[in-house]
Amino acid sequence: MNNIPDSNNNDEHIKRRKIWSEKPHIRLVYSRWVEMMKPYLPEEPILEVGSGSGLLKDLMPEVVLSDTVELPWIDRIVNCLDMPFNDEEMGGIIAFDLLHHLSEPHTFLSEAARVLRPGGRILLIEPYITPFSYLGYKLFHHEAINFKSYDTGLSKGFLKEQHWHGNIALANLVFKKDINDWSDKQPHLEIIQKRLMSFFDFQLAAGFKPYAYIPYKIFKKIVFVDDWLKWLMPLIGFRIFVVIEKKKKS
C-alpha cells in the first residue's frame, strides 16, 4: 500500500483541523456526540478507524487514531478491512462517517469482530436517510443515495484517491434492510443500541464549512433542542448512532 497521502486529501484534512480550532460550533457538536458515546465505551485499547483529520484526540486523548495513509497526527496505519492486529487484541473500535464510504461494510464489521475481545464494542455515527434528511442530502450533499446496493461509487473497498465519495443510504441498508439476515452476516456481533439523531446540530453548524448559519451564542442554546426532539428523529434525523457488541463466549 502506498502510504503517501494524496495531496488533495491532505489539504482537506489540514483545512478541517483549522476550522475545528477556530469554530466552536463544530467542537460543541462533536463534544455532545462523544458524551452520548461515553456510557457505551468499552475497556481500552480503543481504536478509531478512518480518523482522517484526527480531531477525536482532542476529546478522547486515550483513543488510538488510525487511517490508511500517513498523516502527522495518526498513530497507526490501518486498513479497516484487513487490520494489523491479533485476534481479540482490541477493546473497542470507533468510527465517525466511515461506513458509508465502504462498498464492503460487512467485511469491515467481520474484521472488527475478529480483533475485538468478547464484550468489546463498535461505536458508529453515520449519515442516515429519513423523510426529511433525504431532501436535505439530495439537495445539498455531494454523495450518492443508493438504496439498491452497497455501491459507493468506489471500485473496491476504500480508495484514498476517492476519499470523499460514499453512499449516504448505506447505514439504512446495513442496519435496517439487512437486519433480518444479521445473525447470518454477523454471527459474532449483536446490535445493542440504534439511535436516530442530529436535526439541528451538524446542519446549523454548517459542518466543516468555515462559516455557520447562526452565531455561536444562539447555536449553543438551540443545539439542545435536538434532545427534546428524540421522538421525531425517525422522521427528521440526519444521522444514526449504533453500538455493536461482540458476543461473549458461552
Protein backbone atom coordinates (compact mmCIF):
# COMPACT_ATOMS: atom_id res chain seq x y z
CA MET A 1 0.00 0.00 0.00
CA ASN A 2 1.23 3.45 -0.86
CA ASN A 3 1.21 5.38 2.42
CA ILE A 4 1.97 8.78 0.92
CA PRO A 5 -1.21 10.82 1.30
CA ASP A 6 -2.93 12.24 -1.73
CA SER A 7 -2.23 15.98 -1.68
CA ASN A 8 -5.88 16.96 -2.13
CA ASN A 9 -6.96 14.74 0.75
CA ASN A 10 -4.14 16.03 2.94
CA ASP A 11 -5.11 19.64 2.18
CA GLU A 12 -8.71 18.87 3.16
CA HIS A 13 -7.60 17.32 6.47
CA ILE A 14 -5.46 20.37 7.26
CA LYS A 15 -8.35 22.67 6.37
CA ARG A 16 -10.68 20.73 8.69
CA ARG A 17 -8.20 20.92 11.56
CA LYS A 18 -8.01 24.69 11.10
CA ILE A 19 -11.81 25.00 11.07
CA TRP A 20 -12.00 22.80 14.17
CA SER A 21 -9.63 25.06 16.06
CA GLU A 22 -11.45 28.26 15.05
CA LYS A 23 -15.11 27.21 15.05
CA PRO A 24 -16.72 26.39 18.43
CA HIS A 25 -19.94 25.20 16.74
CA ILE A 26 -18.37 22.04 15.34
CA ARG A 27 -16.44 21.32 18.55
CA LEU A 28 -19.69 21.51 20.51
CA VAL A 29 -21.41 19.11 18.10
CA TYR A 30 -18.69 16.50 18.44
CA SER A 31 -18.42 17.02 22.20
CA ARG A 32 -22.12 16.20 22.51
CA TRP A 33 -21.70 13.11 20.35
CA VAL A 34 -18.76 11.89 22.43
CA GLU A 35 -20.76 12.41 25.63
CA MET A 36 -23.50 10.25 24.11
CA MET A 37 -20.93 7.54 23.40
CA LYS A 38 -19.32 7.50 26.83
CA PRO A 39 -21.82 5.18 28.60
CA TYR A 40 -21.07 2.56 25.93
CA LEU A 41 -17.28 2.84 25.83
CA PRO A 42 -15.50 -0.47 26.44
CA GLU A 43 -12.17 -1.01 28.12
CA GLU A 44 -9.04 0.18 26.34
CA PRO A 45 -7.37 -0.10 23.92
CA ILE A 46 -9.88 1.78 21.79
CA LEU A 47 -9.09 2.35 18.12
CA GLU A 48 -10.63 4.96 15.86
CA VAL A 49 -10.62 3.85 12.22
CA GLY A 50 -10.75 6.38 9.41
CA SER A 51 -9.50 9.10 11.75
CA GLY A 52 -8.73 11.47 8.88
CA SER A 53 -8.18 14.89 10.42
CA GLY A 54 -7.55 13.33 13.84
CA LEU A 55 -9.99 15.53 15.74
CA LEU A 56 -11.23 12.90 18.18
CA LYS A 57 -7.92 13.04 20.05
CA ASP A 58 -8.90 16.44 21.48
CA LEU A 59 -11.99 14.91 23.09
CA MET A 60 -10.71 11.40 23.86
CA PRO A 61 -6.93 11.51 24.33
CA GLU A 62 -6.81 7.79 25.09
CA VAL A 63 -8.04 6.79 21.63
CA VAL A 64 -5.57 5.38 19.09
CA LEU A 65 -6.01 7.26 15.80
CA SER A 66 -5.67 5.30 12.57
CA ASP A 67 -6.05 5.79 8.85
CA THR A 68 -4.87 4.23 5.61
CA VAL A 69 -2.30 6.95 4.96
CA GLU A 70 0.45 8.61 6.95
CA LEU A 71 -0.53 11.91 8.49
CA PRO A 72 1.37 13.74 11.26
CA TRP A 73 -1.33 13.14 13.88
CA ILE A 74 -2.13 9.49 13.01
CA ASP A 75 -0.89 6.83 15.47
CA ARG A 76 -1.27 3.71 13.28
CA ILE A 77 -1.66 2.90 9.59
CA VAL A 78 -4.70 0.62 9.45
CA ASN A 79 -6.82 -0.71 6.62
CA CYS A 80 -10.15 -1.33 8.34
CA LEU A 81 -10.88 -4.26 6.00
CA ASP A 82 -7.67 -6.06 7.00
CA MET A 83 -6.43 -4.80 10.36
CA PRO A 84 -2.86 -5.45 11.53
CA PHE A 85 -3.96 -6.77 14.93
CA ASN A 86 -4.14 -10.16 16.56
CA ASP A 87 -7.44 -11.83 17.34
CA GLU A 88 -9.15 -10.28 20.38
CA GLU A 89 -6.48 -7.57 20.74
CA MET A 90 -8.73 -4.51 20.87
CA GLY A 91 -11.28 -3.40 23.45
CA GLY A 92 -13.27 -1.12 21.17
CA ILE A 93 -13.48 0.47 17.75
CA ILE A 94 -14.95 3.90 16.97
CA ALA A 95 -15.77 5.30 13.54
CA PHE A 96 -17.33 8.62 12.53
CA ASP A 97 -18.66 8.73 8.97
CA LEU A 98 -16.57 5.78 7.80
CA LEU A 99 -19.05 3.03 6.99
CA HIS A 100 -20.82 4.85 4.15
CA HIS A 101 -17.51 5.09 2.29
CA LEU A 102 -17.14 1.29 2.19
CA SER A 103 -18.51 -0.89 -0.58
CA GLU A 104 -17.79 -3.86 1.72
CA PRO A 105 -19.30 -2.80 5.07
CA HIS A 106 -19.79 -6.34 6.36
CA THR A 107 -16.15 -7.13 5.65
CA PHE A 108 -15.23 -4.29 8.00
CA LEU A 109 -17.70 -5.47 10.66
CA SER A 110 -16.44 -9.06 10.44
CA GLU A 111 -12.83 -7.89 10.71
CA ALA A 112 -13.78 -5.74 13.70
CA ALA A 113 -15.38 -8.80 15.31
CA ARG A 114 -12.12 -10.68 14.84
CA VAL A 115 -9.89 -8.12 16.54
CA LEU A 116 -12.32 -7.30 19.38
CA ARG A 117 -12.29 -9.03 22.72
CA PRO A 118 -15.54 -10.73 23.78
CA GLY A 119 -17.72 -7.93 25.12
CA GLY A 120 -15.81 -5.36 23.05
CA ARG A 121 -17.83 -2.80 21.14
CA ILE A 122 -18.01 -0.96 17.83
CA LEU A 123 -19.41 2.58 18.12
CA LEU A 124 -20.51 4.19 14.87
CA ILE A 125 -22.03 7.51 13.87
CA GLU A 126 -23.22 7.59 10.26
CA PRO A 127 -25.45 9.59 7.93
CA TYR A 128 -28.98 8.16 7.79
CA ILE A 129 -31.90 8.68 5.45
CA THR A 130 -35.22 9.75 6.94
CA PRO A 131 -38.03 11.52 5.03
CA PHE A 132 -36.63 14.95 5.93
CA SER A 133 -32.94 14.15 5.66
CA TYR A 134 -33.45 12.62 2.20
CA LEU A 135 -34.41 16.05 0.91
CA GLY A 136 -31.51 17.75 2.67
CA TYR A 137 -28.91 15.27 1.48
CA LYS A 138 -30.32 15.18 -2.05
CA LEU A 139 -30.28 18.95 -2.45
CA PHE A 140 -27.15 19.94 -0.54
CA HIS A 141 -24.78 16.96 -0.32
CA HIS A 142 -22.38 15.64 -2.95
CA GLU A 143 -22.50 11.93 -2.06
CA ALA A 144 -24.86 9.42 -3.67
CA ILE A 145 -28.04 7.98 -2.13
CA ASN A 146 -28.28 4.35 -3.27
CA PHE A 147 -30.89 2.07 -1.66
CA LYS A 148 -30.28 -0.79 -4.10
CA SER A 149 -26.74 -1.82 -3.18
CA TYR A 150 -23.75 -1.01 -1.00
CA ASP A 151 -22.09 0.61 -4.02
CA THR A 152 -20.40 3.86 -3.07
CA GLY A 153 -19.05 4.73 -6.49
CA LEU A 154 -15.74 3.11 -5.49
CA SER A 155 -14.49 0.04 -7.32
CA LYS A 156 -13.40 -1.87 -4.22
CA GLY A 157 -13.20 -1.16 -0.51
CA PHE A 158 -11.96 2.31 0.36
CA LEU A 159 -9.75 4.08 -2.18
CA LYS A 160 -7.82 7.09 -0.96
CA GLU A 161 -7.96 8.85 -4.31
CA GLN A 162 -11.78 8.96 -3.95
CA HIS A 163 -11.66 9.74 -0.27
CA TRP A 164 -14.82 11.82 -0.08
CA HIS A 165 -17.14 9.59 -2.14
CA GLY A 166 -19.79 7.47 -0.43
CA ASN A 167 -23.35 6.16 -0.26
CA ILE A 168 -25.42 8.16 2.24
CA ALA A 169 -28.03 5.35 2.38
CA LEU A 170 -25.54 2.67 3.39
CA ALA A 171 -26.43 2.70 7.10
CA ASN A 172 -30.09 2.22 6.12
CA LEU A 173 -29.07 -0.87 4.18
CA VAL A 174 -26.83 -2.37 6.87
CA PHE A 175 -28.91 -1.56 9.97
CA LYS A 176 -32.43 -1.76 8.51
CA LYS A 177 -32.60 -3.74 5.29
CA ASP A 178 -30.03 -6.34 6.40
CA ILE A 179 -31.41 -6.70 9.91
CA ASN A 180 -33.35 -9.93 9.20
CA ASP A 181 -30.14 -11.56 7.99
CA TRP A 182 -27.92 -10.01 10.65
CA SER A 183 -27.22 -13.24 12.56
CA ASP A 184 -26.08 -14.90 9.32
CA LYS A 185 -23.93 -11.99 8.18
CA GLN A 186 -22.50 -11.17 11.64
CA PRO A 187 -22.84 -14.25 13.90
CA HIS A 188 -20.40 -12.83 16.48
CA LEU A 189 -21.91 -9.36 16.75
CA GLU A 190 -25.06 -8.04 18.40
CA ILE A 191 -26.58 -4.59 17.90
CA ILE A 192 -27.34 -3.24 21.38
CA GLN A 193 -28.23 0.36 20.52
CA LYS A 194 -29.60 2.23 17.49
CA ARG A 195 -30.49 5.88 17.92
CA LEU A 196 -31.57 8.32 15.22
CA MET A 197 -30.29 11.80 15.93
CA SER A 198 -28.99 15.12 14.62
CA PHE A 199 -31.57 17.51 13.22
CA PHE A 200 -30.25 20.93 14.19
CA ASP A 201 -26.68 20.31 15.37
CA PHE A 202 -24.37 19.46 12.46
CA GLN A 203 -26.66 21.11 9.93
CA LEU A 204 -26.94 24.53 11.63
CA ALA A 205 -23.20 24.40 12.30
CA ALA A 206 -22.74 24.05 8.51
CA GLY A 207 -20.49 21.07 9.14
CA PHE A 208 -16.87 21.74 8.29
CA LYS A 209 -17.57 24.85 6.29
CA PRO A 210 -15.61 27.88 7.58
CA TYR A 211 -18.90 29.57 8.47
CA ALA A 212 -22.01 28.66 10.50
CA TYR A 213 -25.61 29.54 9.81
CA ILE A 214 -26.18 31.21 13.16
CA PRO A 215 -23.92 32.89 15.76
CA TYR A 216 -22.44 30.65 18.41
CA LYS A 217 -24.28 32.40 21.28
CA ILE A 218 -27.56 31.30 19.71
CA PHE A 219 -26.29 27.96 18.41
CA LYS A 220 -25.14 26.70 21.82
CA LYS A 221 -28.73 27.07 23.06
CA ILE A 222 -30.58 25.81 20.00
CA VAL A 223 -28.41 22.72 19.68
CA PHE A 224 -30.04 21.23 22.79
CA VAL A 225 -33.42 21.22 21.04
CA ASP A 226 -32.26 18.00 19.39
CA ASP A 227 -32.55 16.34 22.81
CA TRP A 228 -36.23 17.33 23.02
CA LEU A 229 -36.99 16.04 19.54
CA LYS A 230 -35.97 12.40 20.05
CA TRP A 231 -39.45 11.13 19.24
CA LEU A 232 -39.36 12.93 15.87
CA MET A 233 -35.93 11.67 14.78
CA PRO A 234 -37.34 8.75 12.70
CA LEU A 235 -38.82 11.47 10.51
CA ILE A 236 -36.23 14.26 10.70
CA GLY A 237 -32.89 12.83 11.90
CA PHE A 238 -29.82 13.14 9.70
CA ARG A 239 -27.65 10.56 11.50
CA ILE A 240 -27.69 7.29 13.36
CA PHE A 241 -25.66 6.22 16.39
CA VAL A 242 -25.09 2.45 16.55
CA VAL A 243 -23.46 0.35 19.25
CA ILE A 244 -22.48 -3.19 18.31
CA GLU A 245 -21.13 -5.65 20.86
CA LYS A 246 -19.05 -8.76 20.28
CA LYS A 247 -20.85 -11.67 21.88
CA LYS A 248 -19.22 -13.15 24.95
CA LYS A 249 -18.12 -16.76 24.85
CA SER A 250 -20.61 -19.14 26.40
